[in-house]
Protein backbone atom coordinates (compact mmCIF):
# COMPACT_ATOMS: atom_id res chain seq x y z
CA MET A 1 -105.51 -6.49 11.52
CA SER A 2 -105.06 -10.48 13.27
CA VAL A 3 -106.99 -11.40 16.70
CA LEU A 4 -103.65 -11.91 17.89
CA SER A 5 -101.73 -8.42 17.93
CA ILE A 6 -99.96 -7.79 20.93
CA PHE A 7 -98.73 -3.93 20.39
CA VAL A 8 -95.21 -3.13 22.17
CA PHE A 9 -93.56 -0.32 23.94
CA GLU A 10 -89.90 -0.35 23.28
CA PRO A 11 -87.67 1.77 22.57
CA ASP A 12 -84.13 -0.10 22.35
CA LEU A 13 -83.95 -1.85 18.71
CA ILE A 14 -81.73 -4.47 20.83
CA PHE A 15 -84.21 -6.02 23.05
CA SER A 16 -87.39 -5.12 20.76
CA SER A 17 -85.76 -7.99 18.51
CA LYS A 18 -86.82 -10.42 21.14
CA PHE A 19 -90.63 -10.46 20.21
CA ASN A 20 -89.11 -11.23 16.80
CA ARG A 21 -88.12 -14.69 17.84
CA LEU A 22 -91.40 -14.45 19.98
CA ASN A 23 -93.74 -13.80 16.78
CA GLN A 24 -91.76 -16.31 14.62
CA SER A 25 -92.08 -19.71 17.70
CA MET A 26 -95.63 -18.50 18.78
CA GLY A 27 -97.02 -17.10 15.41
CA ILE A 28 -98.16 -13.78 17.47
CA GLU A 29 -98.13 -10.99 15.13
CA PHE A 30 -96.42 -7.82 17.94
CA ARG A 31 -96.27 -5.02 16.43
CA ILE A 32 -93.70 -2.66 17.53
CA PHE A 33 -93.37 1.10 18.95
CA SER A 34 -90.75 3.29 20.33
CA ASP A 35 -92.67 6.28 20.20
CA SER A 36 -95.24 6.33 23.27
CA ASN A 37 -97.86 8.95 21.09
CA GLU A 38 -98.14 7.29 18.26
CA PHE A 39 -97.91 3.66 20.66
CA LEU A 40 -101.48 4.82 22.31
CA THR A 41 -102.88 6.28 19.28
CA SER A 42 -102.03 2.84 17.42
CA ALA A 43 -103.83 1.38 20.65
CA GLN A 44 -106.92 2.52 21.18
CA HIS A 45 -107.46 1.38 17.02
CA GLU A 46 -106.62 -1.40 16.71
CA ALA A 47 -104.21 -3.50 19.41
CA LYS A 48 -105.65 -6.50 21.53
CA ALA A 49 -103.33 -6.34 24.45
CA LEU A 50 -99.92 -4.05 25.16
CA ILE A 51 -96.74 -5.25 26.50
CA ILE A 52 -95.11 -1.83 28.08
CA ASN A 53 -91.38 -1.03 28.70
CA LEU A 54 -91.78 0.39 31.79
CA ASP A 55 -88.37 2.21 32.17
CA ALA A 56 -89.22 4.31 29.53
CA PHE A 57 -92.69 4.76 29.44
CA SER A 58 -94.27 8.03 31.51
CA SER A 59 -96.27 7.62 34.26
CA GLU A 60 -99.06 9.62 32.11
CA ASN A 61 -98.93 7.59 29.24
CA LEU A 62 -99.08 4.52 31.31
CA GLN A 63 -102.71 5.92 32.49
CA SER A 64 -103.48 6.55 29.10
CA ALA A 65 -102.80 3.44 28.34
CA VAL A 66 -104.36 1.59 31.34
CA LYS A 67 -107.63 3.40 30.57
CA ILE A 68 -107.26 1.37 26.39
CA GLY A 69 -109.98 -0.92 28.57
CA ILE A 70 -107.53 -4.03 26.67
CA PRO A 71 -104.86 -6.40 29.09
CA VAL A 72 -101.52 -4.42 29.81
CA MET A 73 -97.96 -6.99 31.06
CA GLY A 74 -94.98 -4.41 31.47
CA TYR A 75 -91.17 -5.04 32.06
CA TYR A 76 -88.91 -2.92 33.94
CA SER A 77 -85.12 -2.91 34.52
CA HIS A 78 -85.53 -4.77 38.47
CA VAL A 79 -83.36 -1.83 39.41
CA ASN A 80 -86.46 0.26 39.17
CA SER A 81 -89.49 -1.11 41.62
CA ASP A 82 -91.17 2.24 42.32
CA VAL A 83 -92.07 1.91 38.37
CA ALA A 84 -92.54 -1.81 39.54
CA ARG A 85 -95.02 -0.14 42.16
CA ASN A 86 -96.82 2.48 40.36
CA ALA A 87 -97.22 0.00 37.14
CA LEU A 88 -99.14 -2.25 39.64
CA ARG A 89 -101.26 0.48 41.26
CA LEU A 90 -102.22 1.52 38.06
CA GLY A 91 -103.69 -1.84 37.06
CA VAL A 92 -100.48 -2.99 34.41
CA SER A 93 -100.35 -7.17 35.30
CA PRO A 94 -98.58 -8.81 35.43
CA VAL A 95 -95.44 -6.90 36.00
CA VAL A 96 -92.08 -8.89 35.59
CA THR A 97 -88.42 -7.70 35.56
CA ARG A 98 -86.67 -7.40 31.92
CA GLY A 99 -84.80 -10.50 32.91
CA ALA A 100 -87.83 -12.89 34.23
CA PHE A 101 -89.31 -11.83 31.33
CA LEU A 102 -86.34 -12.56 29.11
CA VAL A 103 -86.83 -16.25 30.52
CA ARG A 104 -90.81 -17.24 31.42
CA SER A 105 -91.61 -14.63 27.95
CA GLU A 106 -92.93 -17.26 26.20
CA LEU A 107 -95.09 -18.29 29.43
CA LEU A 108 -95.24 -14.74 30.17
CA VAL A 109 -97.34 -13.35 26.41
CA ASP A 110 -99.33 -17.03 26.26
CA GLU A 111 -101.26 -15.40 30.18
CA LEU A 112 -101.25 -12.08 28.36
CA LEU A 113 -103.15 -14.21 25.51
CA ARG A 114 -105.85 -15.42 28.06
CA ALA A 115 -106.49 -12.68 29.34
CA THR A 116 -106.78 -11.14 26.42
CA ARG A 117 -109.41 -13.94 24.82
CA LYS A 118 -111.35 -13.70 28.01
CA GLY A 119 -112.41 -10.09 26.90
CA LEU A 120 -113.38 -10.79 23.75
């Protein structure tokens, strides 16, 4: 497993293709999950950081993800600000809209990787 292995919870197959493009441009290994239980179980043992579609992830699962103790980034639909507030309250950082993630994805992933390296 690569030191730069980032696990992504994204059930939308079309949107998850964004991570394939990031993999090519940044040389980072992204593992995409659409099942939250599989995501959480695998993340406990193998992930160095997590990226989560907050709109498709329950608050209980988000609490479990944060408790793993690795950096967690989340993105959400701009119309779902309650989800963003909850994620920030639980310790997810950064939390950005889906649109902001699309525009600044490489910068945001770099930020997540810096947080990951601090924990090594």
